């Protein structure tokens, strides 16, 4: 008899002297013969076998029958929905505060002090209409080369005084635009004898090209407060919000229930088309939601379900062209708007805004 066989018999004899079930004894015996077999240790078997009832009989821990399996499940208390945070990004830079305006204007004047002095004869031939035109305009701005710096002479006696005082409108963008437009007007033309002739104030020189003026930052939609237009608040991010028929909560983001086995990305694309139509060039960004909102279910006095709650997961989207059209929407939507973050805070229910405010951009 080999040493391993003798050891197995010795271990089995010791185990029989203790109160261990037969399954554990057989597994202990076979495990020593098959040391490389991955057996499962059932630490609870000894304790379960040792349990006795009140009459002294051993407790039968074997399962005799399983509970019946039914094919019906209780209705879920929540429905899963997909929502879309569709946004139009800013088209203009934000307005500068007074300090920023003064700082950038100071940088322009500082650049004039560091630049080489302007030599007009390098650009204009003497006693020509172009030279006369330049002299008329330069005289009005204190012979300074720059047209939008308020007559600042970088190489004059006051060259050191390049900062803007409080209340000075010279640093305003509107002042620079006005001066650049005035400088683009032709002030001198060639006369019949070849000499330069000054154009009288209020008159337009012959051959004067049309001056293209920059548009205002505020559009007609801003002035009329047309919130359904996309050409408003050009320096802010706008978000599409909708209003449902019979919805007492007011404005909300487009959303709907998932259908079949579609994921959130697919559901967001479908819901956006079914809500706002096909007349938009949009892009659903990514496959991961950027936020969620939970509406709790309502129950009857006997704790039975009265109305399901909902868990809405919002996907991020961008609009690049087009406009929303609710004519054939399938969700009972009656109106839509493009709102900023502050306007959404005013129109949304407080609980809904608390869920979505972290998804909204600062500007």
Protein backbone atom coordinates (compact mmCIF):
# COMPACT_ATOMS: atom_id res chain seq x y z
CA UNK A 1 0.00 0.00 0.00
CA UNK A 2 1.39 3.36 -0.95
CA UNK A 3 1.92 6.19 1.50
CA UNK A 4 -0.86 8.27 -0.08
CA UNK A 5 -3.38 5.41 0.32
CA UNK A 6 -2.46 4.92 3.96
CA UNK A 7 -2.86 8.65 4.59
CA UNK A 8 -6.30 8.61 2.94
CA UNK A 9 -7.55 5.78 5.15
CA UNK A 10 -6.21 7.50 8.28
CA UNK A 11 -7.95 10.75 7.39
CA UNK A 12 -11.22 8.92 6.68
CA UNK A 13 -11.11 7.14 10.04
CA UNK A 14 -10.61 10.42 11.88
CA UNK A 15 -13.50 12.05 9.99
CA UNK A 16 -15.87 9.15 10.84
CA UNK A 17 -15.28 9.75 14.54
CA UNK A 18 -16.77 13.24 14.19
CA UNK A 19 -20.33 14.17 13.28
CA UNK A 20 -19.89 14.80 9.53
CA UNK A 21 -22.25 13.82 6.75
CA UNK A 22 -21.33 11.10 4.28
CA UNK A 23 -21.00 13.50 1.34
CA UNK A 24 -18.29 15.48 3.11
CA UNK A 25 -16.43 12.24 4.00
CA UNK A 26 -16.46 11.01 0.44
CA UNK A 27 -15.29 14.36 -0.90
CA UNK A 28 -12.49 14.54 1.63
CA UNK A 29 -11.36 11.05 0.66
CA UNK A 30 -11.44 11.66 -3.08
CA UNK A 31 -9.75 15.07 -2.80
CA UNK A 32 -6.64 13.49 -1.38
CA UNK A 33 -6.55 11.01 -4.23
CA UNK A 34 -7.10 13.78 -6.80
CA UNK A 35 -5.08 16.69 -5.50
CA UNK A 36 -5.39 18.71 -8.72
CA UNK A 37 -9.19 18.58 -8.90
CA UNK A 38 -10.89 21.90 -8.18
CA UNK A 39 -13.56 20.83 -5.66
CA UNK A 40 -16.00 23.20 -4.01
CA UNK A 41 -15.75 23.53 -0.25
CA UNK A 42 -19.16 23.59 1.42
CA UNK A 43 -18.43 25.06 4.84
CA UNK A 44 -22.11 25.17 5.72
CA UNK A 45 -22.70 21.41 5.25
CA UNK A 46 -21.41 20.41 8.71
CA UNK A 47 -23.53 23.01 10.48
CA UNK A 48 -26.63 22.13 8.48
CA UNK A 49 -26.25 18.41 9.19
CA UNK A 50 -25.83 19.07 12.93
CA UNK A 51 -29.15 20.92 13.25
CA UNK A 52 -31.81 18.94 15.14
CA UNK A 53 -35.45 19.59 15.72
CA UNK A 54 -37.14 19.89 19.11
CA UNK A 55 -38.04 16.19 19.19
CA UNK A 56 -34.41 15.18 18.83
CA UNK A 57 -34.58 14.02 15.20
CA UNK A 58 -32.09 15.30 12.67
CA UNK A 59 -33.24 18.13 10.41
CA UNK A 60 -33.69 17.13 6.79
CA UNK A 61 -32.00 19.97 4.86
CA UNK A 62 -32.60 18.52 1.40
CA UNK A 63 -35.01 20.44 -0.87
CA UNK A 64 -37.96 18.19 -1.73
CA UNK A 65 -39.89 20.57 -4.05
CA UNK A 66 -39.35 23.98 -5.69
CA UNK A 67 -41.96 26.75 -5.65
CA UNK A 68 -44.04 27.04 -8.83
CA UNK A 69 -42.68 29.38 -11.52
CA UNK A 70 -45.19 31.81 -13.00
CA UNK A 71 -44.85 33.45 -16.44
CA UNK A 72 -46.24 36.85 -15.39
CA UNK A 73 -44.30 39.69 -13.69
CA UNK A 74 -45.61 42.59 -11.67
CA UNK A 75 -45.78 45.85 -13.66
CA UNK A 76 -42.74 48.06 -13.22
CA UNK A 77 -43.23 51.21 -11.22
CA UNK A 78 -40.98 53.20 -13.58
CA UNK A 79 -40.76 53.68 -17.34
CA UNK A 80 -37.45 54.39 -19.06
CA UNK A 81 -37.36 57.42 -21.33
CA UNK A 82 -34.79 59.12 -23.56
CA UNK A 83 -34.55 62.91 -23.70
CA UNK A 84 -32.61 65.29 -25.96
CA UNK A 85 -30.72 68.41 -24.91
CA UNK A 86 -30.52 69.99 -28.38
CA UNK A 87 -28.42 73.17 -28.41
CA UNK A 88 -27.27 75.89 -30.75
CA UNK A 89 -23.74 77.05 -29.79
CA UNK A 90 -22.78 80.73 -29.54
CA UNK A 91 -22.10 82.46 -32.87
CA UNK A 92 -20.38 85.54 -31.44
CA UNK A 93 -17.87 86.18 -28.71
CA UNK A 94 -19.30 87.52 -25.48
CA UNK A 95 -19.46 91.21 -24.63
CA UNK A 96 -16.33 92.55 -22.94
CA UNK A 97 -16.54 94.15 -19.52
CA UNK A 98 -15.14 97.71 -19.06
CA UNK A 99 -11.80 96.48 -17.74
CA UNK A 100 -11.27 94.17 -20.73
CA UNK A 101 -12.15 96.94 -23.17
CA UNK A 102 -9.66 99.31 -21.53
CA UNK A 103 -6.96 96.61 -21.44
CA UNK A 104 -7.23 95.68 -25.14
CA UNK A 105 -7.34 99.34 -26.13
CA UNK A 106 -4.20 99.96 -24.09
CA UNK A 107 -2.53 97.07 -25.94
CA UNK A 108 -3.31 98.77 -29.27
CA UNK A 109 -1.74 102.02 -28.14
CA UNK A 110 1.26 100.18 -26.73
CA UNK A 111 1.70 98.49 -30.10
CA UNK A 112 1.77 101.94 -31.75
CA UNK A 113 4.60 102.98 -29.44
CA UNK A 114 6.63 99.87 -30.37
CA UNK A 115 5.96 100.07 -34.12
CA UNK A 116 8.10 101.93 -36.67
CA UNK A 117 6.81 105.47 -37.35
CA UNK A 118 4.47 105.75 -40.33
CA UNK A 119 5.99 107.25 -43.52
CA UNK A 120 3.21 108.46 -45.80
CA UNK A 121 5.38 109.06 -48.90
CA UNK A 122 6.12 105.32 -49.00
CA UNK A 123 2.40 104.76 -49.67
CA UNK A 124 1.21 108.01 -51.29
CA UNK A 125 2.82 110.07 -54.00
CA UNK A 126 3.14 113.76 -53.16
CA UNK A 127 0.45 116.15 -54.45
CA UNK A 128 -1.86 113.37 -55.63
CA UNK A 129 -5.54 112.96 -54.71
CA UNK A 130 -4.63 109.94 -52.54
CA UNK A 131 -2.07 112.02 -50.63
CA UNK A 132 -4.56 114.84 -50.20
CA UNK A 133 -7.21 112.41 -48.99
CA UNK A 134 -4.83 111.03 -46.38
CA UNK A 135 -3.82 114.47 -45.11
CA UNK A 136 -7.45 115.55 -44.67
CA UNK A 137 -8.23 112.49 -42.57
CA UNK A 138 -4.96 112.50 -40.59
CA UNK A 139 -5.43 116.14 -39.63
CA UNK A 140 -8.72 115.28 -37.91
CA UNK A 141 -7.06 112.57 -35.81
CA UNK A 142 -4.06 114.64 -34.69
CA UNK A 143 -1.85 113.29 -37.49
CA UNK A 144 -1.87 109.83 -35.96
CA UNK A 145 -1.45 106.85 -38.26
CA UNK A 146 -3.95 104.66 -36.45
CA UNK A 147 -7.57 105.43 -37.27
CA UNK A 148 -9.33 103.98 -34.20
CA UNK A 149 -7.10 105.09 -31.29
CA UNK A 150 -8.62 108.51 -30.66
CA UNK A 151 -5.81 110.62 -32.15
CA UNK A 152 -3.08 109.05 -30.02
CA UNK A 153 0.43 110.16 -31.04
CA UNK A 154 2.84 107.42 -30.03
CA UNK A 155 5.93 109.53 -30.80
CA UNK A 156 4.62 112.86 -29.52
CA UNK A 157 5.07 114.58 -26.18
CA UNK A 158 2.00 112.77 -24.82
CA UNK A 159 3.13 109.34 -25.99
CA UNK A 160 3.47 108.16 -22.41
CA UNK A 161 -0.22 108.83 -21.74
CA UNK A 162 -1.52 105.69 -23.41
CA UNK A 163 -4.12 104.61 -20.83
CA UNK A 164 -7.86 105.27 -21.05
CA UNK A 165 -9.50 107.25 -18.27
CA UNK A 166 -12.66 106.14 -16.52
CA UNK A 167 -15.75 107.08 -18.52
CA UNK A 168 -13.85 107.58 -21.78
CA UNK A 169 -15.84 106.14 -24.72
CA UNK A 170 -12.78 105.84 -26.95
CA UNK A 171 -12.26 102.19 -25.98
CA UNK A 172 -15.85 101.23 -26.91
CA UNK A 173 -16.17 98.97 -29.99
CA UNK A 174 -18.85 101.29 -31.36
CA UNK A 175 -16.39 104.20 -31.40
CA UNK A 176 -13.82 102.19 -33.37
CA UNK A 177 -16.45 101.07 -35.89
CA UNK A 178 -17.65 104.65 -36.39
CA UNK A 179 -14.13 105.97 -37.01
CA UNK A 180 -13.27 103.18 -39.45
CA UNK A 181 -16.43 103.85 -41.47
CA UNK A 182 -15.70 107.59 -41.59
CA UNK A 183 -12.13 106.92 -42.71
CA UNK A 184 -13.35 104.71 -45.57
CA UNK A 185 -15.15 107.67 -47.20
CA UNK A 186 -13.24 109.35 -50.06
CA UNK A 187 -12.41 112.94 -49.10
CA UNK A 188 -10.42 114.10 -52.14
CA UNK A 189 -10.70 113.39 -55.88
CA UNK A 190 -8.87 114.44 -59.00
CA UNK A 191 -10.16 117.67 -60.58
CA UNK A 192 -10.33 118.71 -64.23
CA UNK A 193 -6.83 120.20 -64.15
CA UNK A 194 -5.37 117.11 -62.46
CA UNK A 195 -5.21 118.72 -59.05
CA UNK A 196 -6.81 117.20 -55.96
CA UNK A 197 -10.24 118.55 -55.10
CA UNK A 198 -11.83 118.15 -51.64
CA UNK A 199 -15.27 116.54 -51.48
CA UNK A 200 -17.77 118.72 -49.65
CA UNK A 201 -19.24 117.34 -46.41
CA UNK A 202 -22.40 115.32 -47.03
CA UNK A 203 -21.54 114.60 -50.64
CA UNK A 204 -20.47 111.23 -52.04
CA UNK A 205 -17.47 111.20 -54.34
CA UNK A 206 -17.85 109.82 -57.84
CA UNK A 207 -16.75 106.19 -57.94
CA UNK A 208 -17.20 105.76 -54.19
CA UNK A 209 -17.74 102.07 -53.44
CA UNK A 210 -20.53 100.96 -51.18
CA UNK A 211 -19.36 100.75 -47.58
CA UNK A 212 -20.23 97.47 -45.90
CA UNK A 213 -21.15 98.25 -42.31
CA UNK A 214 -20.94 95.56 -39.62
CA UNK A 215 -24.27 94.35 -38.31
CA UNK A 216 -25.43 94.94 -34.77
CA UNK A 217 -25.00 92.29 -32.14
CA UNK A 218 -28.72 92.47 -31.39
CA UNK A 219 -30.94 91.16 -34.16
CA UNK A 220 -34.59 91.86 -34.97
CA UNK A 221 -35.54 88.72 -33.08
CA UNK A 222 -33.78 90.09 -29.99
CA UNK A 223 -35.62 93.41 -30.21
CA UNK A 224 -39.01 91.71 -30.69
CA UNK A 225 -38.20 88.91 -28.19
CA UNK A 226 -39.03 86.17 -30.70
CA UNK A 227 -38.02 83.16 -28.62
CA UNK A 228 -38.86 80.65 -31.35
CA UNK A 229 -36.11 82.11 -33.59
CA UNK A 230 -32.55 80.83 -33.76
CA UNK A 231 -31.07 84.22 -34.77
CA UNK A 232 -31.33 85.63 -31.25
CA UNK A 233 -28.86 85.78 -28.35
CA UNK A 234 -25.98 85.19 -30.76
CA UNK A 235 -23.41 85.24 -27.94
CA UNK A 236 -25.26 82.62 -25.87
CA UNK A 237 -26.11 78.92 -26.12
CA UNK A 238 -29.76 78.24 -26.93
CA UNK A 239 -31.64 75.03 -26.05
CA UNK A 240 -34.76 73.57 -27.63
CA UNK A 241 -37.68 73.30 -25.18
CA UNK A 242 -41.20 72.14 -25.92
CA UNK A 243 -44.64 72.35 -24.34
CA UNK A 244 -47.07 69.41 -24.29
CA UNK A 245 -50.83 69.63 -24.57
CA UNK A 246 -52.43 69.34 -21.15
CA UNK A 247 -49.08 69.43 -19.35
CA UNK A 248 -49.44 71.53 -16.23
CA UNK A 249 -45.69 71.53 -15.58
CA UNK A 250 -45.00 73.96 -18.42
CA UNK A 251 -41.92 73.77 -20.62
CA UNK A 252 -39.64 70.72 -20.79
CA UNK A 253 -37.01 69.06 -22.96
CA UNK A 254 -38.13 66.71 -25.79
CA UNK A 255 -38.40 63.14 -24.49
CA UNK A 256 -40.21 59.85 -25.06
CA UNK A 257 -40.27 56.19 -24.04
CA UNK A 258 -37.88 53.60 -25.44
CA UNK A 259 -39.40 51.24 -28.02
CA UNK A 260 -38.34 47.60 -28.38
CA UNK A 261 -34.63 46.94 -28.01
CA UNK A 262 -33.38 50.38 -29.08
CA UNK A 263 -30.68 52.08 -27.02
CA UNK A 264 -30.66 55.66 -25.76
CA UNK A 265 -28.80 57.00 -28.81
CA UNK A 266 -31.25 55.43 -31.25
CA UNK A 267 -34.23 56.51 -29.17
CA UNK A 268 -32.97 60.11 -29.03
CA UNK A 269 -32.66 60.27 -32.83
CA UNK A 270 -36.16 58.86 -33.30
CA UNK A 271 -37.78 61.08 -30.67
CA UNK A 272 -36.16 64.21 -32.09
CA UNK A 273 -37.52 63.47 -35.57
CA UNK A 274 -40.98 62.58 -34.23
CA UNK A 275 -41.00 65.74 -32.09
CA UNK A 276 -39.44 68.48 -34.22
CA UNK A 277 -39.66 67.10 -37.75
CA UNK A 278 -37.10 66.45 -40.47
CA UNK A 279 -36.29 70.07 -41.29
CA UNK A 280 -33.21 70.11 -39.06
CA UNK A 281 -29.61 69.05 -39.56
CA UNK A 282 -28.78 67.64 -36.13
CA UNK A 283 -26.15 65.46 -34.50
CA UNK A 284 -26.57 63.35 -31.35
CA UNK A 285 -23.24 63.56 -29.54
CA UNK A 286 -21.98 60.26 -28.12
CA UNK A 287 -23.79 57.24 -26.73
CA UNK A 288 -23.68 58.14 -23.03
CA UNK A 289 -26.33 60.32 -21.33
CA UNK A 290 -25.20 63.59 -19.76
CA UNK A 291 -27.90 63.71 -17.09
CA UNK A 292 -31.16 62.24 -15.85
CA UNK A 293 -34.44 63.19 -14.23
CA UNK A 294 -36.67 60.97 -12.05
CA UNK A 295 -40.39 61.35 -11.54
CA UNK A 296 -41.67 59.18 -8.69
CA UNK A 297 -44.74 56.95 -9.18
CA UNK A 298 -48.11 57.67 -7.55
CA UNK A 299 -49.94 55.12 -5.38
CA UNK A 300 -53.49 54.54 -4.22
CA UNK A 301 -54.41 54.52 -0.50
CA UNK A 302 -54.12 50.72 -0.55
CA UNK A 303 -50.52 51.02 -1.84
CA UNK A 304 -51.46 49.80 -5.32
CA UNK A 305 -49.88 51.57 -8.27
CA UNK A 306 -51.91 54.53 -9.54
CA UNK A 307 -49.53 56.02 -12.09
CA UNK A 308 -46.07 54.92 -13.17
CA UNK A 309 -43.05 57.06 -12.57
CA UNK A 310 -40.37 57.72 -15.15
CA UNK A 311 -36.59 57.78 -15.41
CA UNK A 312 -35.47 60.06 -18.25
CA UNK A 313 -31.88 59.97 -19.51
CA UNK A 314 -30.82 62.98 -21.58
CA UNK A 315 -28.55 62.77 -24.63
CA UNK A 316 -26.61 65.76 -25.92
CA UNK A 317 -27.37 67.06 -29.42
CA UNK A 318 -26.33 69.92 -31.71
CA UNK A 319 -28.28 71.69 -34.43
CA UNK A 320 -26.25 72.89 -37.42
CA UNK A 321 -29.01 74.08 -39.76
CA UNK A 322 -32.78 74.18 -40.13
CA UNK A 323 -35.58 74.84 -37.68
CA UNK A 324 -38.02 72.84 -35.56
CA UNK A 325 -41.45 72.05 -37.02
CA UNK A 326 -44.18 70.64 -34.76
CA UNK A 327 -46.78 70.23 -37.47
CA UNK A 328 -46.69 66.41 -37.57
CA UNK A 329 -45.25 65.67 -34.13
CA UNK A 330 -46.39 62.45 -32.42
CA UNK A 331 -46.15 63.58 -28.78
CA UNK A 332 -48.92 66.18 -28.59
CA UNK A 333 -46.52 69.14 -28.59
CA UNK A 334 -48.12 72.55 -29.01
CA UNK A 335 -45.20 75.00 -28.96
CA UNK A 336 -41.41 75.24 -28.90
CA UNK A 337 -38.80 77.85 -27.95
CA UNK A 338 -35.04 78.32 -28.03
CA UNK A 339 -34.04 79.50 -24.56
CA UNK A 340 -30.88 80.44 -22.71
CA UNK A 341 -29.87 79.00 -19.34
CA UNK A 342 -31.45 81.87 -17.41
CA UNK A 343 -34.68 81.68 -19.41
CA UNK A 344 -34.89 77.93 -18.80
CA UNK A 345 -34.59 78.54 -15.06
CA UNK A 346 -37.58 80.89 -15.26
CA UNK A 347 -39.78 78.55 -17.34
CA UNK A 348 -38.94 75.07 -15.99
CA UNK A 349 -40.42 73.42 -12.93
CA UNK A 350 -37.92 73.78 -10.03
CA UNK A 351 -37.45 70.01 -9.69
CA UNK A 352 -36.83 69.59 -13.41
CA UNK A 353 -34.38 72.51 -13.51
CA UNK A 354 -32.51 71.05 -10.54
CA UNK A 355 -31.97 67.86 -12.55
CA UNK A 356 -30.81 69.55 -15.78
CA UNK A 357 -29.01 72.73 -14.67
CA UNK A 358 -25.61 71.02 -14.56
CA UNK A 359 -26.02 70.05 -18.23
CA UNK A 360 -26.41 73.69 -19.35
CA UNK A 361 -23.44 75.82 -20.41
CA UNK A 362 -22.59 79.02 -18.56
CA UNK A 363 -23.09 81.08 -21.72
